[in-house]
Protein backbone atom coordinates (compact mmCIF):
# COMPACT_ATOMS: atom_id res chain seq x y z
CA UNK A 1 96.24 82.67 82.49
CA UNK A 2 95.45 86.39 82.44
CA UNK A 3 92.46 86.99 84.72
CA UNK A 4 90.39 90.10 84.19
CA UNK A 5 89.61 92.62 86.91
CA UNK A 6 86.13 93.29 88.19
CA UNK A 7 84.77 96.68 87.19
CA UNK A 8 85.98 99.51 89.37
CA UNK A 9 89.03 97.68 90.71
CA UNK A 10 92.50 99.13 90.43
CA UNK A 11 94.96 96.58 89.08
CA UNK A 12 97.83 95.09 91.03
CA UNK A 13 101.31 96.35 90.29
CA UNK A 14 102.56 95.05 86.91
CA UNK A 15 105.47 93.16 88.52
CA UNK A 16 103.14 91.56 91.07
CA UNK A 17 100.69 90.52 88.37
CA UNK A 18 103.48 88.88 86.38
CA UNK A 19 104.71 86.99 89.45
CA UNK A 20 101.24 85.95 90.59
CA UNK A 21 100.12 84.70 87.16
CA UNK A 22 103.39 83.00 86.26
CA UNK A 23 103.10 79.24 85.69
CA UNK A 24 104.04 77.30 88.83
CA UNK A 25 107.71 76.60 89.37
CA UNK A 26 108.86 72.99 89.54
CA UNK A 27 110.41 74.02 92.86
CA UNK A 28 107.41 74.83 95.07
CA UNK A 29 109.47 76.72 97.67
CA UNK A 30 111.12 78.86 94.99
CA UNK A 31 107.71 79.70 93.52
CA UNK A 32 106.43 80.69 96.95
CA UNK A 33 109.53 82.77 97.61
CA UNK A 34 108.89 84.67 94.36
CA UNK A 35 105.29 85.35 95.43
CA UNK A 36 106.45 86.47 98.88
CA UNK A 37 108.82 88.93 97.20
CA UNK A 38 105.82 90.92 95.92
CA UNK A 39 103.68 90.32 99.01
CA UNK A 40 106.09 92.12 101.33
CA UNK A 41 107.55 95.58 100.95
CA UNK A 42 110.96 95.44 99.31
CA UNK A 43 112.69 96.70 102.45
CA UNK A 44 111.02 94.14 104.70
CA UNK A 45 111.77 91.29 102.31
CA UNK A 46 115.46 92.24 102.19
CA UNK A 47 115.85 92.85 105.93
CA UNK A 48 113.92 89.79 107.16
CA UNK A 49 115.17 87.00 104.93
CA UNK A 50 115.11 84.34 107.68
CA UNK A 51 111.53 85.14 108.68
CA UNK A 52 110.40 85.13 105.05
CA UNK A 53 112.03 81.72 104.55
CA UNK A 54 110.19 80.42 107.65
CA UNK A 55 106.90 81.65 106.20
CA UNK A 56 107.72 80.04 102.84
CA UNK A 57 108.48 76.71 104.56
CA UNK A 58 105.19 76.87 106.48
CA UNK A 59 103.20 77.81 103.35
CA UNK A 60 104.94 75.09 101.32
CA UNK A 61 103.67 72.50 103.79
CA UNK A 62 100.09 73.70 103.12
CA UNK A 63 100.33 74.71 99.46
CA UNK A 64 97.42 73.68 97.31
CA UNK A 65 97.54 72.27 93.81
CA UNK A 66 98.48 74.78 91.08
CA UNK A 67 94.99 74.48 89.57
CA UNK A 68 93.42 75.51 92.90
CA UNK A 69 95.83 78.45 93.21
CA UNK A 70 95.01 79.63 89.67
CA UNK A 71 91.27 79.38 90.30
CA UNK A 72 91.62 81.28 93.59
CA UNK A 73 93.63 84.01 91.88
CA UNK A 74 91.16 84.30 89.01
CA UNK A 75 88.25 84.55 91.46
CA UNK A 76 89.99 87.21 93.54
CA UNK A 77 90.86 89.33 90.51
CA UNK A 78 87.46 89.11 88.86
CA UNK A 79 85.24 89.42 91.95
CA UNK A 80 83.20 92.61 91.67
CA UNK A 81 81.68 93.86 94.90
CA UNK A 82 81.53 97.61 94.30
CA UNK A 83 77.72 97.77 94.09
CA UNK A 84 77.42 96.04 97.46
CA UNK A 85 79.75 98.31 99.46
CA UNK A 86 77.23 101.12 100.12
CA UNK A 87 74.89 98.52 101.65
CA UNK A 88 77.38 97.53 104.37
CA UNK A 89 76.47 99.47 107.49
CA UNK A 90 78.47 97.41 109.99
CA UNK A 91 81.42 99.31 111.50
CA UNK A 92 84.39 98.37 109.35
CA UNK A 93 88.12 98.91 109.76
CA UNK A 94 90.06 98.77 106.50
CA UNK A 95 93.83 98.35 106.82
CA UNK A 96 96.31 98.35 103.96
CA UNK A 97 99.99 98.92 103.38
CA UNK A 98 101.05 101.83 101.20
CA UNK A 99 103.47 99.52 99.38
CA UNK A 100 100.96 96.76 98.64
CA UNK A 101 101.76 95.53 95.14
CA UNK A 102 99.16 92.75 95.18
CA UNK A 103 96.02 94.72 96.07
CA UNK A 104 96.42 98.29 94.96
CA UNK A 105 95.93 100.53 98.04
CA UNK A 106 93.60 102.68 95.95
CA UNK A 107 91.08 99.82 96.24
CA UNK A 108 91.02 100.39 100.01
CA UNK A 109 90.39 104.09 99.45
CA UNK A 110 87.48 103.23 97.15
CA UNK A 111 86.06 100.80 99.71
CA UNK A 112 86.32 103.42 102.45
CA UNK A 113 84.65 106.04 100.28
CA UNK A 114 81.74 103.71 99.41
CA UNK A 115 81.16 102.09 102.80
CA UNK A 116 79.19 104.46 105.02
CA UNK A 117 80.51 103.23 108.37
CA UNK A 118 84.19 102.59 107.68
CA UNK A 119 87.60 103.90 108.58
CA UNK A 120 90.81 103.41 106.58
CA UNK A 121 94.27 103.10 108.08
CA UNK A 122 97.28 102.95 105.78
CA UNK A 123 100.45 101.45 107.23
CA UNK A 124 103.42 103.33 105.84
CA UNK A 125 106.20 101.14 104.46
CA UNK A 126 104.13 97.94 104.51
CA UNK A 127 103.21 95.65 101.64
CA UNK A 128 100.35 93.19 101.13
CA UNK A 129 101.35 91.29 104.26
CA UNK A 130 101.14 94.37 106.49
CA UNK A 131 99.66 92.13 109.18
CA UNK A 132 103.12 90.53 109.47
CA UNK A 133 105.33 93.51 108.64
CA UNK A 134 103.60 95.82 111.11
CA UNK A 135 102.14 93.19 113.45
CA UNK A 136 102.23 95.32 116.60
CA UNK A 137 100.54 98.29 114.93
CA UNK A 138 98.04 96.04 113.19
CA UNK A 139 97.09 94.24 116.40
CA UNK A 140 96.76 97.54 118.26
CA UNK A 141 94.49 98.91 115.51
CA UNK A 142 92.24 95.85 115.55
CA UNK A 143 91.96 95.75 119.35
CA UNK A 144 91.24 99.47 119.50
CA UNK A 145 88.62 99.12 116.76
CA UNK A 146 86.94 96.21 118.56
CA UNK A 147 86.85 98.15 121.83
CA UNK A 148 85.37 101.21 120.09
CA UNK A 149 82.66 99.09 118.52
CA UNK A 150 81.87 97.38 121.83
CA UNK A 151 81.69 100.75 123.64
CA UNK A 152 79.62 102.27 120.85
CA UNK A 153 82.24 104.95 120.25
CA UNK A 154 83.38 103.96 116.75
CA UNK A 155 83.51 106.97 114.43
CA UNK A 156 83.77 106.41 110.67
CA UNK A 157 86.14 108.61 108.70
CA UNK A 158 86.51 109.19 104.99
CA UNK A 159 90.02 110.59 105.50
CA UNK A 160 92.67 107.88 105.58
CA UNK A 161 94.85 107.76 108.67
CA UNK A 162 98.46 107.08 107.70
CA UNK A 163 100.74 105.67 110.38
């Protein structure tokens, strides 16, 4: 299976695409471990082997059928939402890792540029699972964003904040 990208999307890293579209392994945990390798930054994956294995074990207990995974991947890669972004006026916080191999960080820059009321934060050294790799920073960003929206003090920015 080689899904096509929606127009305007930047492709995932070549290595990530190969891993994500590879036929399922007969060993489900090994297949998940391979996908986790591209979902985390290389440094995080190497330095947090025990945590990654815990995540793999948890995911393995909930893993869907290979057909469902392939359909989900194809839908994610071909979904084209670019024309809709300028219509979103709700305050929006976009967070990505600068080492995301799965969803090219340039896609977040495009989203931020097109959405009139958004702000982009790029987490340095984090991969696709920045929410795990930089959990404290991520949680602080989301709570701060929510408080700004509730207070009416949210300010959009077209310049990415890198932390």
